[in-house]
């Protein structure tokens, strides 16, 4: 992969690996001794760079990583990551041999999957390490165990744990609203999920006559707000990258800073329409900057006319419809800003949480939306150590 230097000053993401390491160390202290740490690095580590993030976690003693697919897991293995990896999502049975060969742990979510994985593991003469997924109220993947499903769910889990070719190392579930502790209904629902999960574990371990090595359910919200739910291992996702109320509570720092610059500046007369749809018209003489950041880079079009980007001299309101490759910002009250000046899209001076709230979404979506044509610049020990452009370039 070749990085083209000329793309750097269009729009770029600065990934602060020092902040990542600091966040990891603070979270380690927060969870305490005896609790293992699984770093969630799916979706290219939420847009931060899966290999680079995983390398930092591996070098600093994390215990596990989690991804969504075998392709994401193989990217890490090919990138030199040797630590345990758990695939949270679906893997076709044809890939079981590949999972075993590359020491990748697979989630088992139902009887059909357990049987398929067992048969394939026996066929290739190996043992597949698995974690059993329990659906306690997320209503997505996992063995059904609520209400009338409790007995059959426990029996199904025990059956999977005893299948030849499978090594059931762990059992886990996922919370739906653990990140909303101020809401009494959400608190009750999280507590209900946890109680059901622990009841399943107790009954399954009793029937199996052994303990699961790893019991885990604490996602970002639970790590921040429910310390009693940490069990054997925690799974912080966005918390690790320093976003959200939980991160602020724990004193964590944002790892990504998304930057662009002023491409051109024009002065318009009153009554001038700006961009598609003419949803903004100047009311007075207006100094307008054009920045090379649009919805193809990850700038949600629904934010048109509703947000500001941050210059060195203060916020510049975004004006008119956001275009595919660029947008316009109002510099009328910022005469010091000139062509070529850097602008922070989100980062320490323009929090991503603020943009997410305006867009009616969550920070996860904005960091994951940073597109492959936006170069990542990695900072470690206070210095630039790597640049990565996800677009493939001819050598």
Protein backbone atom coordinates (compact mmCIF):
# COMPACT_ATOMS: atom_id res chain seq x y z
CA UNK A 1 0.00 0.00 0.00
CA UNK A 2 1.41 3.38 -0.95
CA UNK A 3 0.55 6.63 0.81
CA UNK A 4 0.30 9.68 -1.43
CA UNK A 5 1.73 12.68 0.40
CA UNK A 6 -0.46 15.11 -1.55
CA UNK A 7 -3.64 13.73 0.02
CA UNK A 8 -2.61 14.57 3.57
CA UNK A 9 -3.73 18.19 3.55
CA UNK A 10 -7.18 17.54 2.17
CA UNK A 11 -8.97 15.88 5.09
CA UNK A 12 -7.17 13.58 7.50
CA UNK A 13 -7.61 11.78 10.84
CA UNK A 14 -4.99 12.06 13.56
CA UNK A 15 -4.96 8.91 15.71
CA UNK A 16 -3.30 9.54 19.08
CA UNK A 17 -1.91 6.19 20.21
CA UNK A 18 -0.58 7.83 23.36
CA UNK A 19 -4.17 8.67 24.32
CA UNK A 20 -5.17 5.09 23.53
CA UNK A 21 -2.46 3.70 25.79
CA UNK A 22 -3.41 6.13 28.55
CA UNK A 23 -7.08 5.13 28.24
CA UNK A 24 -6.16 1.45 28.41
CA UNK A 25 -4.05 1.97 31.54
CA UNK A 26 -6.83 3.94 33.26
CA UNK A 27 -9.38 1.28 32.38
CA UNK A 28 -7.06 -1.43 33.69
CA UNK A 29 -6.84 0.38 37.02
CA UNK A 30 -10.61 0.88 37.00
CA UNK A 31 -11.48 -2.80 36.48
CA UNK A 32 -8.95 -3.98 39.05
CA UNK A 33 -6.87 -7.09 39.39
CA UNK A 34 -8.18 -10.45 38.34
CA UNK A 35 -10.39 -9.14 35.54
CA UNK A 36 -9.21 -9.74 31.98
CA UNK A 37 -9.37 -7.04 29.32
CA UNK A 38 -10.86 -7.61 25.87
CA UNK A 39 -10.46 -4.69 23.47
CA UNK A 40 -13.17 -4.43 20.82
CA UNK A 41 -11.49 -3.64 17.50
CA UNK A 42 -14.23 -4.55 15.03
CA UNK A 43 -15.05 -2.18 12.14
CA UNK A 44 -11.38 -1.23 11.80
CA UNK A 45 -11.33 -0.36 15.52
CA UNK A 46 -14.29 1.98 15.03
CA UNK A 47 -12.39 3.76 12.26
CA UNK A 48 -9.15 4.17 14.22
CA UNK A 49 -7.16 1.38 12.53
CA UNK A 50 -7.53 -2.19 13.79
CA UNK A 51 -3.91 -3.28 13.36
CA UNK A 52 -2.44 -0.16 14.96
CA UNK A 53 -4.87 -0.23 17.89
CA UNK A 54 -4.42 -3.99 18.41
CA UNK A 55 -0.65 -3.60 18.37
CA UNK A 56 -0.83 -1.08 21.22
CA UNK A 57 -3.16 -3.33 23.21
CA UNK A 58 -0.98 -6.38 22.62
CA UNK A 59 2.20 -4.56 23.62
CA UNK A 60 0.58 -3.26 26.80
CA UNK A 61 -0.80 -6.54 28.07
CA UNK A 62 -4.44 -6.79 26.97
CA UNK A 63 -5.83 -10.32 27.12
CA UNK A 64 -8.21 -10.59 24.18
CA UNK A 65 -9.49 -8.78 21.09
CA UNK A 66 -12.95 -8.93 19.52
CA UNK A 67 -13.89 -8.53 15.86
CA UNK A 68 -17.04 -9.09 13.84
CA UNK A 69 -15.87 -11.47 11.12
CA UNK A 70 -13.13 -13.86 10.07
CA UNK A 71 -11.89 -11.32 7.53
CA UNK A 72 -11.30 -8.82 10.34
CA UNK A 73 -9.58 -11.53 12.40
CA UNK A 74 -7.31 -12.53 9.52
CA UNK A 75 -6.35 -8.92 8.92
CA UNK A 76 -5.01 -8.85 12.47
CA UNK A 77 -3.16 -12.14 12.13
CA UNK A 78 -1.58 -11.02 8.85
CA UNK A 79 -0.69 -7.74 10.58
CA UNK A 80 1.38 -9.55 13.21
CA UNK A 81 -1.20 -9.73 16.01
CA UNK A 82 -0.75 -13.00 17.93
CA UNK A 83 -3.01 -12.53 20.98
CA UNK A 84 -6.39 -14.28 21.34
CA UNK A 85 -9.18 -13.03 19.05
CA UNK A 86 -12.91 -13.62 19.47
CA UNK A 87 -15.25 -13.38 16.48
CA UNK A 88 -18.55 -12.00 17.72
CA UNK A 89 -20.50 -12.53 14.50
CA UNK A 90 -21.25 -15.27 11.98
CA UNK A 91 -18.55 -17.44 10.42
CA UNK A 92 -19.43 -19.96 7.67
CA UNK A 93 -18.73 -23.58 8.60
CA UNK A 94 -16.31 -23.81 5.65
CA UNK A 95 -13.95 -21.51 7.57
CA UNK A 96 -13.65 -23.66 10.71
CA UNK A 97 -10.33 -25.14 9.62
CA UNK A 98 -9.03 -21.61 9.06
CA UNK A 99 -10.23 -20.60 12.54
CA UNK A 100 -8.41 -23.52 14.15
CA UNK A 101 -5.24 -23.02 12.12
CA UNK A 102 -5.06 -19.34 13.08
CA UNK A 103 -6.08 -19.83 16.75
CA UNK A 104 -9.23 -17.74 16.44
CA UNK A 105 -12.08 -18.16 18.92
CA UNK A 106 -15.64 -18.29 17.56
CA UNK A 107 -18.95 -17.28 19.14
CA UNK A 108 -21.57 -20.04 19.14
CA UNK A 109 -25.06 -18.58 19.03
CA UNK A 110 -27.44 -21.53 18.54
CA UNK A 111 -27.69 -25.31 18.23
CA UNK A 112 -27.35 -25.33 14.44
CA UNK A 113 -24.08 -23.41 14.57
CA UNK A 114 -22.71 -25.58 17.36
CA UNK A 115 -23.40 -28.75 15.36
CA UNK A 116 -21.89 -27.34 12.17
CA UNK A 117 -18.75 -26.17 13.92
CA UNK A 118 -18.40 -29.50 15.75
CA UNK A 119 -18.70 -31.53 12.55
CA UNK A 120 -16.20 -29.37 10.70
CA UNK A 121 -13.71 -29.41 13.58
CA UNK A 122 -13.85 -33.21 13.67
CA UNK A 123 -13.50 -33.41 9.91
CA UNK A 124 -10.26 -31.43 9.94
CA UNK A 125 -8.97 -33.15 13.07
CA UNK A 126 -8.76 -30.10 15.28
CA UNK A 127 -10.41 -28.37 18.22
CA UNK A 128 -12.21 -25.06 17.86
CA UNK A 129 -12.22 -22.77 20.86
CA UNK A 130 -15.66 -21.19 21.32
CA UNK A 131 -17.56 -18.76 23.54
CA UNK A 132 -21.27 -19.43 24.02
CA UNK A 133 -23.49 -16.41 23.29
CA UNK A 134 -26.59 -16.02 25.48
CA UNK A 135 -29.51 -13.79 24.47
CA UNK A 136 -30.68 -12.22 27.72
CA UNK A 137 -32.65 -9.38 26.17
CA UNK A 138 -30.72 -7.88 23.26
CA UNK A 139 -32.92 -9.99 20.95
CA UNK A 140 -30.21 -10.46 18.38
CA UNK A 141 -27.79 -13.40 18.49
CA UNK A 142 -27.56 -16.05 21.19
CA UNK A 143 -29.34 -18.94 22.89
CA UNK A 144 -32.83 -17.95 24.01
CA UNK A 145 -33.09 -18.31 27.79
CA UNK A 146 -35.82 -15.92 28.97
CA UNK A 147 -39.12 -17.11 30.39
CA UNK A 148 -40.22 -20.50 29.11
CA UNK A 149 -36.96 -20.81 27.14
CA UNK A 150 -34.78 -21.04 30.26
CA UNK A 151 -34.67 -24.82 30.62
CA UNK A 152 -34.27 -25.58 26.91
CA UNK A 153 -31.74 -22.77 26.55
CA UNK A 154 -29.56 -24.15 29.35
CA UNK A 155 -29.83 -27.65 27.90
CA UNK A 156 -28.79 -26.35 24.47
CA UNK A 157 -25.80 -24.53 25.96
CA UNK A 158 -24.70 -27.66 27.82
CA UNK A 159 -25.11 -29.75 24.67
CA UNK A 160 -22.87 -27.35 22.74
CA UNK A 161 -20.24 -27.46 25.47
CA UNK A 162 -20.06 -31.25 25.23
CA UNK A 163 -19.83 -31.56 21.45
CA UNK A 164 -16.64 -33.18 20.11
CA UNK A 165 -14.22 -30.79 18.45
CA UNK A 166 -15.37 -27.80 20.48
CA UNK A 167 -13.67 -26.29 23.53
CA UNK A 168 -16.14 -24.03 25.34
CA UNK A 169 -13.75 -21.58 26.94
CA UNK A 170 -16.28 -18.84 27.66
CA UNK A 171 -19.87 -17.70 27.90
CA UNK A 172 -21.13 -14.17 27.30
CA UNK A 173 -24.08 -11.89 26.72
CA UNK A 174 -24.60 -8.32 25.56
CA UNK A 175 -26.46 -5.50 27.31
CA UNK A 176 -28.97 -3.33 25.50
CA UNK A 177 -29.12 -0.21 27.71
CA UNK A 178 -26.24 -0.41 30.20
CA UNK A 179 -25.04 3.02 29.00
CA UNK A 180 -28.21 4.73 30.24
CA UNK A 181 -27.81 4.53 34.04
CA UNK A 182 -29.85 7.66 34.72
CA UNK A 183 -32.99 6.01 33.36
CA UNK A 184 -34.69 3.84 36.00
CA UNK A 185 -36.33 1.59 33.42
CA UNK A 186 -32.96 1.03 31.71
CA UNK A 187 -31.31 0.29 35.05
CA UNK A 188 -33.96 -2.29 35.83
CA UNK A 189 -33.59 -3.89 32.39
CA UNK A 190 -29.80 -4.14 32.71
CA UNK A 191 -30.12 -5.67 36.16
CA UNK A 192 -32.69 -8.12 34.77
CA UNK A 193 -30.32 -9.12 31.95
CA UNK A 194 -27.45 -9.63 34.38
CA UNK A 195 -29.50 -11.69 36.81
CA UNK A 196 -30.73 -13.91 33.96
CA UNK A 197 -27.19 -14.35 32.64
CA UNK A 198 -25.78 -15.35 36.02
CA UNK A 199 -28.70 -17.74 36.57
CA UNK A 200 -27.95 -19.42 33.23
CA UNK A 201 -24.28 -19.72 34.12
CA UNK A 202 -25.05 -21.20 37.54
CA UNK A 203 -27.43 -23.81 36.13
CA UNK A 204 -25.19 -24.68 33.15
CA UNK A 205 -22.09 -25.05 35.31
CA UNK A 206 -24.06 -27.24 37.72
CA UNK A 207 -25.19 -29.53 34.88
CA UNK A 208 -21.74 -29.60 33.26
CA UNK A 209 -19.88 -30.14 36.52
CA UNK A 210 -17.29 -27.51 35.63
CA UNK A 211 -16.77 -23.76 35.48
CA UNK A 212 -16.44 -21.58 32.40
CA UNK A 213 -12.97 -20.06 32.25
CA UNK A 214 -14.31 -16.73 30.97
CA UNK A 215 -17.70 -15.23 31.81
CA UNK A 216 -18.18 -11.79 30.29
CA UNK A 217 -20.97 -9.30 29.78
CA UNK A 218 -19.54 -5.84 30.63
CA UNK A 219 -19.59 -3.72 27.49
CA UNK A 220 -18.75 0.00 27.44
CA UNK A 221 -21.75 1.04 29.52
CA UNK A 222 -21.31 -1.69 32.12
CA UNK A 223 -17.58 -1.00 32.50
CA UNK A 224 -18.36 2.64 33.23
CA UNK A 225 -21.45 2.26 35.40
CA UNK A 226 -21.86 -1.33 36.63
CA UNK A 227 -18.61 -2.53 38.29
CA UNK A 228 -20.42 -5.49 39.87
CA UNK A 229 -21.00 -6.89 36.38
CA UNK A 230 -17.35 -7.17 35.31
CA UNK A 231 -17.06 -10.91 36.13
CA UNK A 232 -13.96 -12.53 34.52
CA UNK A 233 -13.46 -10.19 31.56
CA UNK A 234 -14.71 -6.83 30.26
CA UNK A 235 -15.36 -5.73 26.66
CA UNK A 236 -15.00 -1.93 26.33
CA UNK A 237 -15.64 -0.68 22.82
CA UNK A 238 -16.09 3.05 22.28
CA UNK A 239 -15.04 3.68 25.89
CA UNK A 240 -11.52 2.57 24.99
CA UNK A 241 -11.35 5.28 22.34
CA UNK A 242 -12.37 8.01 24.77
CA UNK A 243 -15.90 8.96 23.68
CA UNK A 244 -19.22 9.26 25.47
CA UNK A 245 -20.35 10.19 28.96
CA UNK A 246 -18.70 7.12 30.46
CA UNK A 247 -15.33 8.15 29.05
CA UNK A 248 -15.68 11.63 30.52
CA UNK A 249 -16.63 10.10 33.87
CA UNK A 250 -13.44 8.02 33.87
CA UNK A 251 -11.18 10.81 32.58
CA UNK A 252 -10.43 9.18 29.22
CA UNK A 253 -9.20 11.10 26.17
CA UNK A 254 -10.53 11.02 22.57
CA UNK A 255 -8.14 9.07 20.35
CA UNK A 256 -9.22 10.48 16.97
CA UNK A 257 -9.04 14.08 15.80
CA UNK A 258 -10.56 14.64 12.36
CA UNK A 259 -9.07 17.58 10.47
CA UNK A 260 -9.51 19.46 7.20
CA UNK A 261 -8.43 22.85 5.85
CA UNK A 262 -9.70 25.93 4.03
CA UNK A 263 -9.54 25.29 0.28
CA UNK A 264 -10.83 28.67 -0.88
CA UNK A 265 -12.59 31.79 0.47
CA UNK A 266 -15.18 33.87 -1.38
CA UNK A 267 -17.19 36.95 -0.45
CA UNK A 268 -20.88 36.96 -1.36
CA UNK A 269 -23.44 39.74 -1.60
CA UNK A 270 -26.67 39.64 0.45
CA UNK A 271 -29.29 37.31 -1.03
CA UNK A 272 -26.80 34.80 -2.47
CA UNK A 273 -27.91 31.13 -2.45
CA UNK A 274 -25.36 28.63 -1.14
CA UNK A 275 -25.14 24.97 -2.30
CA UNK A 276 -27.78 22.48 -3.43
CA UNK A 277 -31.42 23.13 -2.70
CA UNK A 278 -30.83 26.81 -1.86
CA UNK A 279 -31.58 26.10 1.81
CA UNK A 280 -29.25 28.92 2.88
CA UNK A 281 -29.20 32.48 1.58
CA UNK A 282 -26.86 35.18 2.80
CA UNK A 283 -28.57 37.98 4.72
CA UNK A 284 -25.56 40.31 4.50
CA UNK A 285 -22.15 40.42 2.89
CA UNK A 286 -20.71 37.03 3.78
CA UNK A 287 -17.17 35.67 3.78
CA UNK A 288 -17.55 31.97 2.97
CA UNK A 289 -14.89 29.26 3.16
CA UNK A 290 -14.98 26.01 1.20
CA UNK A 291 -13.46 22.94 2.91
CA UNK A 292 -12.77 19.57 1.22
CA UNK A 293 -14.95 17.54 3.55
CA UNK A 294 -18.27 16.09 2.42
CA UNK A 295 -20.56 13.14 2.89
CA UNK A 296 -18.23 10.83 0.94
CA UNK A 297 -15.69 11.49 3.69
CA UNK A 298 -18.20 10.77 6.45
CA UNK A 299 -19.91 14.15 7.01
CA UNK A 300 -23.57 13.28 7.43
CA UNK A 301 -25.78 15.30 5.09
CA UNK A 302 -28.42 15.60 7.81
CA UNK A 303 -26.04 17.99 9.61
CA UNK A 304 -26.40 20.57 6.82
CA UNK A 305 -26.91 24.06 8.24
CA UNK A 306 -26.95 22.64 11.77
CA UNK A 307 -23.38 22.42 13.03
CA UNK A 308 -20.05 24.23 13.22
CA UNK A 309 -16.44 23.29 12.51
CA UNK A 310 -13.69 24.65 14.75
CA UNK A 311 -11.00 27.03 13.51
CA UNK A 312 -8.08 28.30 15.55
CA UNK A 313 -10.11 31.47 16.20
CA UNK A 314 -13.44 29.91 17.07
CA UNK A 315 -16.37 27.99 15.57
CA UNK A 316 -17.39 28.53 11.95
CA UNK A 317 -21.05 27.66 11.21
CA UNK A 318 -21.58 25.25 8.34
CA UNK A 319 -23.82 26.78 5.64
CA UNK A 320 -25.97 25.21 2.92
CA UNK A 321 -26.26 21.57 1.96
CA UNK A 322 -23.25 19.36 2.62
CA UNK A 323 -21.95 18.12 -0.75
CA UNK A 324 -20.29 14.82 -1.61
CA UNK A 325 -16.75 16.20 -1.53
CA UNK A 326 -16.96 19.54 0.24
CA UNK A 327 -18.99 21.91 2.36
CA UNK A 328 -19.12 25.61 3.10
CA UNK A 329 -18.43 27.36 6.42
CA UNK A 330 -19.18 30.97 7.39
CA UNK A 331 -16.01 32.96 8.13
CA UNK A 332 -17.65 36.39 8.28
CA UNK A 333 -16.89 36.78 11.99
CA UNK A 334 -13.46 35.15 11.68
CA UNK A 335 -11.40 37.52 9.51
CA UNK A 336 -8.14 35.98 10.80
CA UNK A 337 -8.88 32.64 9.08
CA UNK A 338 -7.18 32.29 5.70
CA UNK A 339 -6.86 29.81 2.85
CA UNK A 340 -4.82 26.79 3.97
CA UNK A 341 -5.66 27.12 7.66
CA UNK A 342 -6.49 23.91 9.49
CA UNK A 343 -10.02 23.23 10.74
CA UNK A 344 -11.07 20.67 13.35
CA UNK A 345 -14.14 18.68 12.33
CA UNK A 346 -14.23 16.84 15.63
CA UNK A 347 -11.69 16.40 18.36
CA UNK A 348 -10.73 18.02 21.68
CA UNK A 349 -12.12 21.44 20.70
CA UNK A 350 -15.23 20.23 18.85
CA UNK A 351 -16.42 17.04 20.59
CA UNK A 352 -17.74 14.24 18.40
CA UNK A 353 -20.51 13.75 20.96
CA UNK A 354 -21.87 17.19 20.05
CA UNK A 355 -21.99 16.36 16.34
CA UNK A 356 -23.55 12.98 17.09
CA UNK A 357 -26.30 14.58 19.16
CA UNK A 358 -27.09 17.04 16.37
CA UNK A 359 -27.22 14.16 13.87
CA UNK A 360 -29.49 12.13 16.13
CA UNK A 361 -26.99 9.30 16.40
CA UNK A 362 -24.09 8.05 18.53
CA UNK A 363 -20.33 8.76 18.33
CA UNK A 364 -19.72 5.17 17.12
CA UNK A 365 -21.45 5.96 13.84
CA UNK A 366 -19.42 9.10 13.17
CA UNK A 367 -16.01 7.52 13.81
CA UNK A 368 -16.94 4.41 11.79
CA UNK A 369 -18.19 6.65 8.96
CA UNK A 370 -14.79 8.26 8.35
CA UNK A 371 -14.22 6.90 4.86
CA UNK A 372 -11.27 5.07 3.36
CA UNK A 373 -10.16 8.10 1.36
CA UNK A 374 -9.41 9.95 4.60
CA UNK A 375 -5.76 9.21 5.51
CA UNK A 376 -4.96 8.16 9.09
CA UNK A 377 -1.91 9.75 10.69
CA UNK A 378 -0.65 7.91 13.80
CA UNK A 379 1.01 9.68 16.71
CA UNK A 380 3.02 7.74 19.30
CA UNK A 381 5.36 9.08 21.96
CA UNK A 382 4.42 12.53 20.75
CA UNK A 383 5.72 11.92 17.21
CA UNK A 384 4.21 10.88 13.91
CA UNK A 385 5.07 7.21 13.40
CA UNK A 386 2.87 6.07 10.54
CA UNK A 387 0.53 7.22 7.80
CA UNK A 388 -2.05 4.96 6.27
CA UNK A 389 -4.25 5.54 3.24
CA UNK A 390 -6.87 2.83 2.80
CA UNK A 391 -7.25 3.62 -0.90
CA UNK A 392 -5.05 1.30 -2.94
CA UNK A 393 -2.43 3.14 -4.99
CA UNK A 394 -0.21 1.87 -7.77
CA UNK A 395 3.44 1.48 -6.61
